[in-house]
C-alpha cells in the first residue's frame, strides 16, 4: 500500500479551499500545502504534523524506529523542534502476535528518546495491514519558519541524504535483496533530520522541504510552485545509493516513481543525456528522506561548517518554476 499520488492529493487539498473561520485564520501561520501546519497560541508557534507508513523493512523494531524518524521529519523541515507525539497503529491481529507491535513501539520509543520527544499516548485499530506512525507537535520561532517557497536567484541547492530508498525497499519486498543488502538504506532512514534543520537555520536557508513520497523531482517542483525561479540540477552531483542504481537499471522501482514522473512531467526538463533509469531514481518515493535546501552563496560557509552530510546539487536562476536536470 502506498500513499495517495500527487494528483489525488492535490485535488483533495484543493477541495478544502479557504475553509477557516476568520478568527482562526490570523492564528494559522502555515496551512495545508506545506510540510506541516503552524498555529500561533500567544507568542508560541506550534508545528503540527502526522505521518504513518507500512513496513519498508522486515524487522518490527527497525520499522518502528524508521517510522518515528520519518514522522519527525516534517517538524525539522519547517525549522521546528518536536516536543510530543501520539502513536497511530493499525494492526492485523490475525497475522501477527501483539509482541510484534510491542517491538514496533519499542523501536519508535528509542528514536523519540534520542530526539527528546515525549510519547503521550495514541490510538490503535485492527486492520488488514500493519501500519504505524506518529502525530507530532513541535515548536518553532515564528520569525524563522522554514517554508517550501522562498528560493532566490543565485541560491545554492543542497541535499542531505542520498536517493534510492524506495527502490531498495521495493526490492526487499520482492525478495530480491536480503536484510544485509539494505543496511545502507536503513542507516539513512534512521538518520534524524534534526542536525540538517539546525544547519539550515544557522545558514539562513531561504527554503526547505524533506524529500519523501513525491520523490526528489516532486518535492523540488513543489518548492517551485508559482515561483519566479528555476532550479538547475547537475545530475552527476545528486547523491544516489549504488544499490539503487543497479536495481533501477534492471527496471526495479516502486509504482509511485512512475506516478511521480508522469504527474510532474510538465514542470521537469530532463536533458537528452539523462538515462531512463535515472529519471525513475529522481522520482523514487523516499521514506525518511533528506532535506532539500536552498541557501544564499554568502551563507554556504555556515552550512559547510555544520558537519552535516550534504551534496551541492545545483543552483537557482530566474525562471517560471521549472526544474531543469542536466
C-alpha atoms as a PDB file:
ATOM      1  CA  UNK A   1       0.000   0.000   0.000  1.00  0.00           C
ATOM      2  CA  UNK A   2       1.361   3.435  -0.940  1.00  0.00           C
ATOM      3  CA  UNK A   3       0.314   6.977  -0.127  1.00  0.00           C
ATOM      4  CA  UNK A   4      -2.068   8.833  -2.416  1.00  0.00           C
ATOM      5  CA  UNK A   5      -0.481  10.004  -5.645  1.00  0.00           C
ATOM      6  CA  UNK A   6       0.295  13.701  -6.155  1.00  0.00           C
ATOM      7  CA  UNK A   7      -2.694  14.238  -8.459  1.00  0.00           C
ATOM      8  CA  UNK A   8      -5.210  12.830  -5.960  1.00  0.00           C
ATOM      9  CA  UNK A   9      -3.649  14.674  -3.030  1.00  0.00           C
ATOM     10  CA  UNK A  10      -3.627  17.999  -4.868  1.00  0.00           C
ATOM     11  CA  UNK A  11      -7.313  17.528  -5.732  1.00  0.00           C
ATOM     12  CA  UNK A  12      -8.211  16.735  -2.112  1.00  0.00           C
ATOM     13  CA  UNK A  13      -6.343  19.706  -0.645  1.00  0.00           C
ATOM     14  CA  UNK A  14      -7.754  21.987  -3.334  1.00  0.00           C
ATOM     15  CA  UNK A  15     -11.296  20.951  -2.401  1.00  0.00           C
ATOM     16  CA  UNK A  16     -10.851  22.467   1.072  1.00  0.00           C
ATOM     17  CA  UNK A  17     -10.424  25.989  -0.269  1.00  0.00           C
ATOM     18  CA  UNK A  18     -10.182  28.683   2.395  1.00  0.00           C
ATOM     19  CA  UNK A  19     -12.437  26.964   4.929  1.00  0.00           C
ATOM     20  CA  UNK A  20     -11.064  28.623   8.066  1.00  0.00           C
ATOM     21  CA  UNK A  21     -13.183  30.918  10.207  1.00  0.00           C
ATOM     22  CA  UNK A  22     -11.837  34.466  10.147  1.00  0.00           C
ATOM     23  CA  UNK A  23     -10.910  34.342  13.843  1.00  0.00           C
ATOM     24  CA  UNK A  24      -8.784  31.247  13.318  1.00  0.00           C
ATOM     25  CA  UNK A  25      -7.164  32.442  10.106  1.00  0.00           C
ATOM     26  CA  UNK A  26      -4.980  35.004  11.874  1.00  0.00           C
ATOM     27  CA  UNK A  27      -3.566  32.262  14.119  1.00  0.00           C
ATOM     28  CA  UNK A  28      -2.668  29.916  11.259  1.00  0.00           C
ATOM     29  CA  UNK A  29       0.827  30.898  10.172  1.00  0.00           C
ATOM     30  CA  UNK A  30       1.179  27.959   7.759  1.00  0.00           C
ATOM     31  CA  UNK A  31      -1.774  25.935   6.475  1.00  0.00           C
ATOM     32  CA  UNK A  32      -2.308  22.981   4.102  1.00  0.00           C
ATOM     33  CA  UNK A  33       0.228  22.648   1.313  1.00  0.00           C
ATOM     34  CA  UNK A  34       3.493  22.915   3.222  1.00  0.00           C
ATOM     35  CA  UNK A  35       5.313  20.137   5.095  1.00  0.00           C
ATOM     36  CA  UNK A  36       3.447  20.855   8.350  1.00  0.00           C
ATOM     37  CA  UNK A  37       0.938  23.297   9.772  1.00  0.00           C
ATOM     38  CA  UNK A  38       1.960  26.110  12.116  1.00  0.00           C
ATOM     39  CA  UNK A  39      -0.516  27.579  14.621  1.00  0.00           C
ATOM     40  CA  UNK A  40       0.091  30.556  16.905  1.00  0.00           C
ATOM     41  CA  UNK A  41      -1.003  30.488  20.563  1.00  0.00           C
ATOM     42  CA  UNK A  42       0.131  33.595  22.403  1.00  0.00           C
ATOM     43  CA  UNK A  43       3.746  34.087  21.433  1.00  0.00           C
ATOM     44  CA  UNK A  44       4.379  30.396  20.769  1.00  0.00           C
ATOM     45  CA  UNK A  45       4.146  28.891  17.292  1.00  0.00           C
ATOM     46  CA  UNK A  46       3.258  25.194  17.278  1.00  0.00           C
ATOM     47  CA  UNK A  47       4.111  22.867  14.398  1.00  0.00           C
ATOM     48  CA  UNK A  48       1.624  20.051  13.756  1.00  0.00           C
ATOM     49  CA  UNK A  49       2.066  17.021  11.506  1.00  0.00           C
ATOM     50  CA  UNK A  50       1.043  13.372  11.195  1.00  0.00           C
ATOM     51  CA  UNK A  51       2.595  10.556   9.194  1.00  0.00           C
ATOM     52  CA  UNK A  52       2.225   6.783   9.193  1.00  0.00           C
ATOM     53  CA  UNK A  53       3.570   4.115   6.863  1.00  0.00           C
ATOM     54  CA  UNK A  54       3.521   0.421   6.058  1.00  0.00           C
ATOM     55  CA  UNK A  55       6.720  -1.518   6.861  1.00  0.00           C
ATOM     56  CA  UNK A  56       9.607  -0.740   4.475  1.00  0.00           C
ATOM     57  CA  UNK A  57      11.736  -3.341   6.313  1.00  0.00           C
ATOM     58  CA  UNK A  58      11.138  -6.799   7.793  1.00  0.00           C
ATOM     59  CA  UNK A  59      12.254  -6.228  11.392  1.00  0.00           C
ATOM     60  CA  UNK A  60       9.486  -4.786  13.659  1.00  0.00           C
ATOM     61  CA  UNK A  61      11.865  -2.813  15.900  1.00  0.00           C
ATOM     62  CA  UNK A  62      13.561  -1.215  12.900  1.00  0.00           C
ATOM     63  CA  UNK A  63      10.161  -0.491  11.340  1.00  0.00           C
ATOM     64  CA  UNK A  64       9.097   1.408  14.450  1.00  0.00           C
ATOM     65  CA  UNK A  65      12.345   3.361  14.521  1.00  0.00           C
ATOM     66  CA  UNK A  66      12.170   4.232  10.810  1.00  0.00           C
ATOM     67  CA  UNK A  67       8.527   5.266  11.088  1.00  0.00           C
ATOM     68  CA  UNK A  68       9.270   7.536  14.051  1.00  0.00           C
ATOM     69  CA  UNK A  69      12.230   9.121  12.266  1.00  0.00           C
ATOM     70  CA  UNK A  70      10.041   9.677   9.224  1.00  0.00           C
ATOM     71  CA  UNK A  71       7.214  11.190  11.299  1.00  0.00           C
ATOM     72  CA  UNK A  72       9.505  13.715  12.994  1.00  0.00           C
ATOM     73  CA  UNK A  73      10.953  14.901   9.699  1.00  0.00           C
ATOM     74  CA  UNK A  74       8.238  17.401   8.766  1.00  0.00           C
ATOM     75  CA  UNK A  75       8.784  19.308  12.003  1.00  0.00           C
ATOM     76  CA  UNK A  76      12.510  19.513  11.301  1.00  0.00           C
ATOM     77  CA  UNK A  77      11.955  20.593   7.694  1.00  0.00           C
ATOM     78  CA  UNK A  78       9.950  23.568   8.996  1.00  0.00           C
ATOM     79  CA  UNK A  79      12.818  24.576  11.285  1.00  0.00           C
ATOM     80  CA  UNK A  80      10.972  23.351  14.362  1.00  0.00           C
ATOM     81  CA  UNK A  81      11.741  21.256  17.425  1.00  0.00           C
ATOM     82  CA  UNK A  82       9.424  18.279  18.095  1.00  0.00           C
ATOM     83  CA  UNK A  83       8.256  18.027  21.708  1.00  0.00           C
ATOM     84  CA  UNK A  84       5.398  15.495  21.943  1.00  0.00           C
ATOM     85  CA  UNK A  85       3.992  12.628  19.903  1.00  0.00           C
ATOM     86  CA  UNK A  86       0.939  10.367  19.738  1.00  0.00           C
ATOM     87  CA  UNK A  87       1.230   6.915  18.171  1.00  0.00           C
ATOM     88  CA  UNK A  88      -1.086   5.771  15.368  1.00  0.00           C
ATOM     89  CA  UNK A  89      -1.164   1.999  14.845  1.00  0.00           C
ATOM     90  CA  UNK A  90      -3.175  -0.305  12.589  1.00  0.00           C
ATOM     91  CA  UNK A  91      -2.603  -3.953  13.436  1.00  0.00           C
ATOM     92  CA  UNK A  92      -3.762  -7.235  11.832  1.00  0.00           C
ATOM     93  CA  UNK A  93      -4.306  -9.444  14.891  1.00  0.00           C
ATOM     94  CA  UNK A  94      -4.963 -12.470  12.699  1.00  0.00           C
ATOM     95  CA  UNK A  95      -1.489 -12.273  11.128  1.00  0.00           C
ATOM     96  CA  UNK A  96       0.769 -11.090  13.954  1.00  0.00           C
ATOM     97  CA  UNK A  97       1.202 -11.626  17.674  1.00  0.00           C
ATOM     98  CA  UNK A  98       0.964  -8.497  19.813  1.00  0.00           C
ATOM     99  CA  UNK A  99       4.665  -8.940  20.583  1.00  0.00           C
ATOM    100  CA  UNK A 100       5.308  -7.599  17.077  1.00  0.00           C
ATOM    101  CA  UNK A 101       3.524  -4.342  17.866  1.00  0.00           C
ATOM    102  CA  UNK A 102       5.416  -4.125  21.158  1.00  0.00           C
ATOM    103  CA  UNK A 103       8.672  -4.250  19.189  1.00  0.00           C
ATOM    104  CA  UNK A 104       7.401  -1.583  16.778  1.00  0.00           C
ATOM    105  CA  UNK A 105       6.596   0.670  19.734  1.00  0.00           C
ATOM    106  CA  UNK A 106       9.952  -0.061  21.335  1.00  0.00           C
ATOM    107  CA  UNK A 107      11.753   0.973  18.152  1.00  0.00           C
ATOM    108  CA  UNK A 108       9.737   4.173  17.919  1.00  0.00           C
ATOM    109  CA  UNK A 109      10.372   4.978  21.572  1.00  0.00           C
ATOM    110  CA  UNK A 110      14.132   4.638  21.081  1.00  0.00           C
ATOM    111  CA  UNK A 111      14.074   7.321  18.375  1.00  0.00           C
ATOM    112  CA  UNK A 112      11.798   9.589  20.396  1.00  0.00           C
ATOM    113  CA  UNK A 113      14.159   9.301  23.366  1.00  0.00           C
ATOM    114  CA  UNK A 114      17.077  10.311  21.155  1.00  0.00           C
ATOM    115  CA  UNK A 115      15.100  13.263  19.791  1.00  0.00           C
ATOM    116  CA  UNK A 116      13.896  14.372  23.236  1.00  0.00           C
ATOM    117  CA  UNK A 117      10.240  13.833  22.342  1.00  0.00           C
ATOM    118  CA  UNK A 118       7.633  12.644  24.871  1.00  0.00           C
ATOM    119  CA  UNK A 119       5.250   9.903  23.719  1.00  0.00           C
ATOM    120  CA  UNK A 120       1.937  10.818  25.367  1.00  0.00           C
ATOM    121  CA  UNK A 121      -0.327   8.047  24.076  1.00  0.00           C
ATOM    122  CA  UNK A 122      -2.012   7.235  20.802  1.00  0.00           C
ATOM    123  CA  UNK A 123      -4.708   5.290  19.000  1.00  0.00           C
ATOM    124  CA  UNK A 124      -4.845   1.764  17.606  1.00  0.00           C
ATOM    125  CA  UNK A 125      -7.249  -0.233  15.494  1.00  0.00           C
ATOM    126  CA  UNK A 126      -7.435  -3.662  13.918  1.00  0.00           C
ATOM    127  CA  UNK A 127      -6.741  -3.625  10.185  1.00  0.00           C
ATOM    128  CA  UNK A 128      -5.760  -5.993   7.391  1.00  0.00           C
ATOM    129  CA  UNK A 129      -2.291  -4.449   7.035  1.00  0.00           C
ATOM    130  CA  UNK A 130       0.292  -3.299   9.565  1.00  0.00           C
ATOM    131  CA  UNK A 131       0.719   0.481   9.678  1.00  0.00           C
ATOM    132  CA  UNK A 132       2.433   2.708  12.196  1.00  0.00           C
ATOM    133  CA  UNK A 133       3.310   6.346  12.620  1.00  0.00           C
ATOM    134  CA  UNK A 134       3.085   9.401  14.807  1.00  0.00           C
ATOM    135  CA  UNK A 135       1.164  12.613  15.181  1.00  0.00           C
ATOM    136  CA  UNK A 136       3.826  15.096  16.247  1.00  0.00           C
ATOM    137  CA  UNK A 137       3.666  18.520  17.888  1.00  0.00           C
ATOM    138  CA  UNK A 138       6.646  20.832  17.907  1.00  0.00           C
ATOM    139  CA  UNK A 139       7.527  24.473  18.406  1.00  0.00           C
ATOM    140  CA  UNK A 140       9.203  26.912  16.041  1.00  0.00           C
ATOM    141  CA  UNK A 141      10.387  30.513  16.169  1.00  0.00           C
ATOM    142  CA  UNK A 142       7.588  32.326  14.335  1.00  0.00           C
ATOM    143  CA  UNK A 143      10.186  34.541  12.657  1.00  0.00           C
ATOM    144  CA  UNK A 144      12.336  31.640  11.466  1.00  0.00           C
ATOM    145  CA  UNK A 145       9.873  29.194   9.931  1.00  0.00           C
ATOM    146  CA  UNK A 146      11.395  27.307   7.006  1.00  0.00           C
ATOM    147  CA  UNK A 147       8.928  27.150   4.115  1.00  0.00           C
ATOM    148  CA  UNK A 148       8.945  25.303   0.804  1.00  0.00           C
ATOM    149  CA  UNK A 149       8.740  28.592  -1.054  1.00  0.00           C
ATOM    150  CA  UNK A 150      11.303  31.373  -0.887  1.00  0.00           C
ATOM    151  CA  UNK A 151      14.232  30.277  -3.060  1.00  0.00           C
ATOM    152  CA  UNK A 152      16.041  33.241  -4.616  1.00  0.00           C
ATOM    153  CA  UNK A 153      18.064  33.712  -7.759  1.00  0.00           C
ATOM    154  CA  UNK A 154      21.690  32.790  -7.086  1.00  0.00           C
ATOM    155  CA  UNK A 155      20.929  30.422  -4.193  1.00  0.00           C
ATOM    156  CA  UNK A 156      22.800  27.133  -3.891  1.00  0.00           C
ATOM    157  CA  UNK A 157      20.742  23.908  -3.711  1.00  0.00           C
ATOM    158  CA  UNK A 158      21.834  21.137  -1.342  1.00  0.00           C
ATOM    159  CA  UNK A 159      20.507  17.661  -0.486  1.00  0.00           C
ATOM    160  CA  UNK A 160      21.311  15.971   2.838  1.00  0.00           C
ATOM    161  CA  UNK A 161      20.635  12.274   2.129  1.00  0.00           C
ATOM    162  CA  UNK A 162      21.171  10.081  -0.948  1.00  0.00           C
ATOM    163  CA  UNK A 163      18.246   8.943  -3.089  1.00  0.00           C
ATOM    164  CA  UNK A 164      17.153   5.377  -3.776  1.00  0.00           C
ATOM    165  CA  UNK A 165      15.429   4.307  -0.564  1.00  0.00           C
ATOM    166  CA  UNK A 166      12.120   3.460  -2.253  1.00  0.00           C
ATOM    167  CA  UNK A 167      13.810   1.372  -4.933  1.00  0.00           C
ATOM    168  CA  UNK A 168      15.819  -0.590  -2.372  1.00  0.00           C
ATOM    169  CA  UNK A 169      12.869  -1.274  -0.055  1.00  0.00           C
ATOM    170  CA  UNK A 170      10.768  -2.314  -3.066  1.00  0.00           C
ATOM    171  CA  UNK A 171      13.450  -4.848  -3.994  1.00  0.00           C
ATOM    172  CA  UNK A 172      13.380  -6.138  -0.404  1.00  0.00           C
ATOM    173  CA  UNK A 173       9.603  -6.622  -0.561  1.00  0.00           C
ATOM    174  CA  UNK A 174      10.049  -8.542  -3.826  1.00  0.00           C
ATOM    175  CA  UNK A 175      12.674 -10.707  -2.075  1.00  0.00           C
ATOM    176  CA  UNK A 176      15.392  -9.570  -4.474  1.00  0.00           C
ATOM    177  CA  UNK A 177      17.557  -8.341  -1.585  1.00  0.00           C
ATOM    178  CA  UNK A 178      18.216  -9.603   1.919  1.00  0.00           C
ATOM    179  CA  UNK A 179      18.410  -7.622   5.156  1.00  0.00           C
ATOM    180  CA  UNK A 180      22.194  -7.244   4.914  1.00  0.00           C
ATOM    181  CA  UNK A 181      21.943  -5.686   1.446  1.00  0.00           C
ATOM    182  CA  UNK A 182      19.678  -2.883   2.676  1.00  0.00           C
ATOM    183  CA  UNK A 183      21.839  -1.802   5.628  1.00  0.00           C
ATOM    184  CA  UNK A 184      22.922   1.433   3.926  1.00  0.00           C
ATOM    185  CA  UNK A 185      19.310   2.397   3.193  1.00  0.00           C
ATOM    186  CA  UNK A 186      18.299   1.600   6.780  1.00  0.00           C
ATOM    187  CA  UNK A 187      21.148   3.750   8.100  1.00  0.00           C
ATOM    188  CA  UNK A 188      19.845   6.749   6.157  1.00  0.00           C
ATOM    189  CA  UNK A 189      16.202   6.086   7.084  1.00  0.00           C
ATOM    190  CA  UNK A 190      17.258   6.143  10.745  1.00  0.00           C
ATOM    191  CA  UNK A 191      19.164   9.421  10.408  1.00  0.00           C
ATOM    192  CA  UNK A 192      17.163  12.220  12.020  1.00  0.00           C
ATOM    193  CA  UNK A 193      16.921  15.467  10.056  1.00  0.00           C
ATOM    194  CA  UNK A 194      17.469  17.445  13.270  1.00  0.00           C
ATOM    195  CA  UNK A 195      21.112  18.416  12.621  1.00  0.00           C
ATOM    196  CA  UNK A 196      20.375  19.317   8.998  1.00  0.00           C
ATOM    197  CA  UNK A 197      17.489  21.517  10.149  1.00  0.00           C
ATOM    198  CA  UNK A 198      19.691  23.370  12.643  1.00  0.00           C
ATOM    199  CA  UNK A 199      22.355  23.816   9.959  1.00  0.00           C
ATOM    200  CA  UNK A 200      19.749  25.238   7.569  1.00  0.00           C
ATOM    201  CA  UNK A 201      18.557  27.712  10.203  1.00  0.00           C
ATOM    202  CA  UNK A 202      22.109  28.783  11.053  1.00  0.00           C
ATOM    203  CA  UNK A 203      22.779  29.361   7.357  1.00  0.00           C
ATOM    204  CA  UNK A 204      19.586  31.445   6.948  1.00  0.00           C
ATOM    205  CA  UNK A 205      18.193  28.999   4.380  1.00  0.00           C
ATOM    206  CA  UNK A 206      15.696  30.600   2.011  1.00  0.00           C
ATOM    207  CA  UNK A 207      13.573  27.459   1.581  1.00  0.00           C
ATOM    208  CA  UNK A 208      13.463  23.859   2.767  1.00  0.00           C
ATOM    209  CA  UNK A 209      11.465  20.656   2.399  1.00  0.00           C
ATOM    210  CA  UNK A 210      12.017  16.979   3.097  1.00  0.00           C
ATOM    211  CA  UNK A 211      12.199  14.540   0.205  1.00  0.00           C
ATOM    212  CA  UNK A 212       9.602  11.840   0.826  1.00  0.00           C
ATOM    213  CA  UNK A 213       6.674  10.339  -1.099  1.00  0.00           C
ATOM    214  CA  UNK A 214       6.784  12.533  -4.197  1.00  0.00           C
ATOM    215  CA  UNK A 215      10.457  11.863  -4.806  1.00  0.00           C
ATOM    216  CA  UNK A 216      13.176  14.401  -5.455  1.00  0.00           C
ATOM    217  CA  UNK A 217      11.502  15.756  -8.600  1.00  0.00           C
ATOM    218  CA  UNK A 218       8.090  16.117  -6.978  1.00  0.00           C
ATOM    219  CA  UNK A 219       9.271  17.891  -3.863  1.00  0.00           C
ATOM    220  CA  UNK A 220      11.569  20.168  -5.867  1.00  0.00           C
ATOM    221  CA  UNK A 221       8.610  21.066  -8.093  1.00  0.00           C
ATOM    222  CA  UNK A 222       6.516  21.836  -5.014  1.00  0.00           C
ATOM    223  CA  UNK A 223       9.224  24.274  -3.900  1.00  0.00           C
ATOM    224  CA  UNK A 224       8.920  25.935  -7.304  1.00  0.00           C
ATOM    225  CA  UNK A 225       5.125  26.175  -7.380  1.00  0.00           C
ATOM    226  CA  UNK A 226       4.115  29.648  -8.589  1.00  0.00           C
ATOM    227  CA  UNK A 227       7.748  30.745  -8.210  1.00  0.00           C
ATOM    228  CA  UNK A 228       9.640  33.202 -10.416  1.00  0.00           C
ATOM    229  CA  UNK A 229      12.729  30.996 -10.331  1.00  0.00           C
ATOM    230  CA  UNK A 230      14.000  27.717 -11.798  1.00  0.00           C
ATOM    231  CA  UNK A 231      16.151  25.021 -10.218  1.00  0.00           C
ATOM    232  CA  UNK A 232      19.103  23.866 -12.328  1.00  0.00           C
ATOM    233  CA  UNK A 233      20.365  20.465 -11.153  1.00  0.00           C
ATOM    234  CA  UNK A 234      23.589  18.679 -12.085  1.00  0.00           C
ATOM    235  CA  UNK A 235      22.517  15.024 -12.122  1.00  0.00           C
ATOM    236  CA  UNK A 236      26.082  13.868 -11.544  1.00  0.00           C
ATOM    237  CA  UNK A 237      26.176  15.702  -8.214  1.00  0.00           C
ATOM    238  CA  UNK A 238      22.957  14.220  -6.801  1.00  0.00           C
ATOM    239  CA  UNK A 239      23.832  11.527  -4.219  1.00  0.00           C
ATOM    240  CA  UNK A 240      22.329   8.118  -5.032  1.00  0.00           C
ATOM    241  CA  UNK A 241      22.974   4.785  -3.334  1.00  0.00           C
ATOM    242  CA  UNK A 242      24.847   2.381  -5.622  1.00  0.00           C
ATOM    243  CA  UNK A 243      22.434  -0.473  -4.947  1.00  0.00           C
ATOM    244  CA  UNK A 244      19.534   1.681  -6.130  1.00  0.00           C
ATOM    245  CA  UNK A 245      21.329   2.497  -9.384  1.00  0.00           C
ATOM    246  CA  UNK A 246      21.915  -1.204 -10.091  1.00  0.00           C
ATOM    247  CA  UNK A 247      18.280  -2.055  -9.364  1.00  0.00           C
ATOM    248  CA  UNK A 248      16.881   0.831 -11.416  1.00  0.00           C
ATOM    249  CA  UNK A 249      18.957  -0.253 -14.409  1.00  0.00           C
ATOM    250  CA  UNK A 250      17.167  -3.612 -14.129  1.00  0.00           C
ATOM    251  CA  UNK A 251      13.786  -1.861 -14.179  1.00  0.00           C
ATOM    252  CA  UNK A 252      13.083  -2.306 -10.465  1.00  0.00           C
ATOM    253  CA  UNK A 253      11.325   0.646  -8.864  1.00  0.00           C
ATOM    254  CA  UNK A 254       8.066   1.276  -6.957  1.00  0.00           C
ATOM    255  CA  UNK A 255       4.848   2.184  -8.751  1.00  0.00           C
ATOM    256  CA  UNK A 256       4.934   5.571  -7.052  1.00  0.00           C
ATOM    257  CA  UNK A 257       8.040   6.506  -9.031  1.00  0.00           C
ATOM    258  CA  UNK A 258       6.123   6.220 -12.291  1.00  0.00           C
ATOM    259  CA  UNK A 259       3.192   8.207 -10.867  1.00  0.00           C
ATOM    260  CA  UNK A 260       5.544  10.970  -9.740  1.00  0.00           C
ATOM    261  CA  UNK A 261       7.412  11.033 -13.047  1.00  0.00           C
ATOM    262  CA  UNK A 262       4.178  11.343 -15.014  1.00  0.00           C
ATOM    263  CA  UNK A 263       2.480  13.897 -12.776  1.00  0.00           C
ATOM    264  CA  UNK A 264       5.370  16.360 -12.658  1.00  0.00           C
ATOM    265  CA  UNK A 265       6.474  15.849 -16.277  1.00  0.00           C
ATOM    266  CA  UNK A 266       5.201  19.253 -17.448  1.00  0.00           C
ATOM    267  CA  UNK A 267       7.401  21.020 -14.882  1.00  0.00           C
ATOM    268  CA  UNK A 268      10.565  18.925 -15.187  1.00  0.00           C
ATOM    269  CA  UNK A 269      13.014  19.269 -18.070  1.00  0.00           C
ATOM    270  CA  UNK A 270      15.462  16.376 -18.334  1.00  0.00           C
ATOM    271  CA  UNK A 271      18.369  16.873 -20.706  1.00  0.00           C
ATOM    272  CA  UNK A 272      18.555  14.303 -23.511  1.00  0.00           C
ATOM    273  CA  UNK A 273      21.625  12.719 -21.919  1.00  0.00           C
ATOM    274  CA  UNK A 274      19.713  11.620 -18.797  1.00  0.00           C
ATOM    275  CA  UNK A 275      19.089   7.838 -18.985  1.00  0.00           C
ATOM    276  CA  UNK A 276      15.619   6.475 -18.270  1.00  0.00           C
ATOM    277  CA  UNK A 277      16.641   4.671 -15.088  1.00  0.00           C
ATOM    278  CA  UNK A 278      17.934   7.932 -13.593  1.00  0.00           C
ATOM    279  CA  UNK A 279      14.584   9.627 -14.211  1.00  0.00           C
ATOM    280  CA  UNK A 280      12.954   6.957 -12.054  1.00  0.00           C
ATOM    281  CA  UNK A 281      15.593   7.354  -9.349  1.00  0.00           C
ATOM    282  CA  UNK A 282      14.883  11.090  -9.196  1.00  0.00           C
ATOM    283  CA  UNK A 283      11.140  10.296  -8.948  1.00  0.00           C
ATOM    284  CA  UNK A 284      11.581   7.492  -6.392  1.00  0.00           C
ATOM    285  CA  UNK A 285       9.365   7.906  -3.281  1.00  0.00           C
ATOM    286  CA  UNK A 286      11.576   8.138  -0.201  1.00  0.00           C
ATOM    287  CA  UNK A 287      10.838   7.033   3.339  1.00  0.00           C
ATOM    288  CA  UNK A 288      12.589   9.326   5.824  1.00  0.00           C
ATOM    289  CA  UNK A 289      14.495  11.124   3.072  1.00  0.00           C
ATOM    290  CA  UNK A 290      16.810  14.080   3.471  1.00  0.00           C
ATOM    291  CA  UNK A 291      16.255  17.820   3.402  1.00  0.00           C
ATOM    292  CA  UNK A 292      16.308  19.731   0.127  1.00  0.00           C
ATOM    293  CA  UNK A 293      17.510  23.223   0.983  1.00  0.00           C
ATOM    294  CA  UNK A 294      18.280  26.487  -0.818  1.00  0.00           C
ATOM    295  CA  UNK A 295      20.928  28.734   0.716  1.00  0.00           C
ATOM    296  CA  UNK A 296      22.422  32.071  -0.313  1.00  0.00           C
ATOM    297  CA  UNK A 297      26.008  31.744  -1.589  1.00  0.00           C
ATOM    298  CA  UNK A 298      27.285  34.051   1.142  1.00  0.00           C
ATOM    299  CA  UNK A 299      25.862  31.721   3.815  1.00  0.00           C
ATOM    300  CA  UNK A 300      27.249  28.438   2.496  1.00  0.00           C
ATOM    301  CA  UNK A 301      30.271  28.537   4.812  1.00  0.00           C
ATOM    302  CA  UNK A 302      27.972  28.344   7.829  1.00  0.00           C
ATOM    303  CA  UNK A 303      26.285  25.268   6.384  1.00  0.00           C
ATOM    304  CA  UNK A 304      29.562  23.625   5.360  1.00  0.00           C
ATOM    305  CA  UNK A 305      30.928  24.014   8.888  1.00  0.00           C
ATOM    306  CA  UNK A 306      27.937  22.245  10.449  1.00  0.00           C
ATOM    307  CA  UNK A 307      29.364  18.765   9.900  1.00  0.00           C
ATOM    308  CA  UNK A 308      26.100  17.572   8.326  1.00  0.00           C
ATOM    309  CA  UNK A 309      26.321  15.251   5.309  1.00  0.00           C
ATOM    310  CA  UNK A 310      25.244  17.100   2.174  1.00  0.00           C
ATOM    311  CA  UNK A 311      25.909  17.438  -1.522  1.00  0.00           C
ATOM    312  CA  UNK A 312      25.684  20.644  -3.525  1.00  0.00           C
ATOM    313  CA  UNK A 313      23.484  19.623  -6.446  1.00  0.00           C
ATOM    314  CA  UNK A 314      22.573  22.828  -8.281  1.00  0.00           C
ATOM    315  CA  UNK A 315      21.630  26.471  -8.192  1.00  0.00           C
ATOM    316  CA  UNK A 316      18.646  28.795  -8.579  1.00  0.00           C
ATOM    317  CA  UNK A 317      18.054  31.058 -11.592  1.00  0.00           C
ATOM    318  CA  UNK A 318      15.327  33.414 -12.720  1.00  0.00           C
ATOM    319  CA  UNK A 319      12.530  31.463 -14.305  1.00  0.00           C
ATOM    320  CA  UNK A 320       8.950  30.251 -14.256  1.00  0.00           C
ATOM    321  CA  UNK A 321       9.004  27.377 -11.780  1.00  0.00           C
ATOM    322  CA  UNK A 322      10.777  24.770 -13.919  1.00  0.00           C
ATOM    323  CA  UNK A 323      13.062  22.017 -12.620  1.00  0.00           C
ATOM    324  CA  UNK A 324      15.929  21.533 -15.070  1.00  0.00           C
ATOM    325  CA  UNK A 325      18.029  18.390 -14.659  1.00  0.00           C
ATOM    326  CA  UNK A 326      21.213  18.234 -16.726  1.00  0.00           C
END
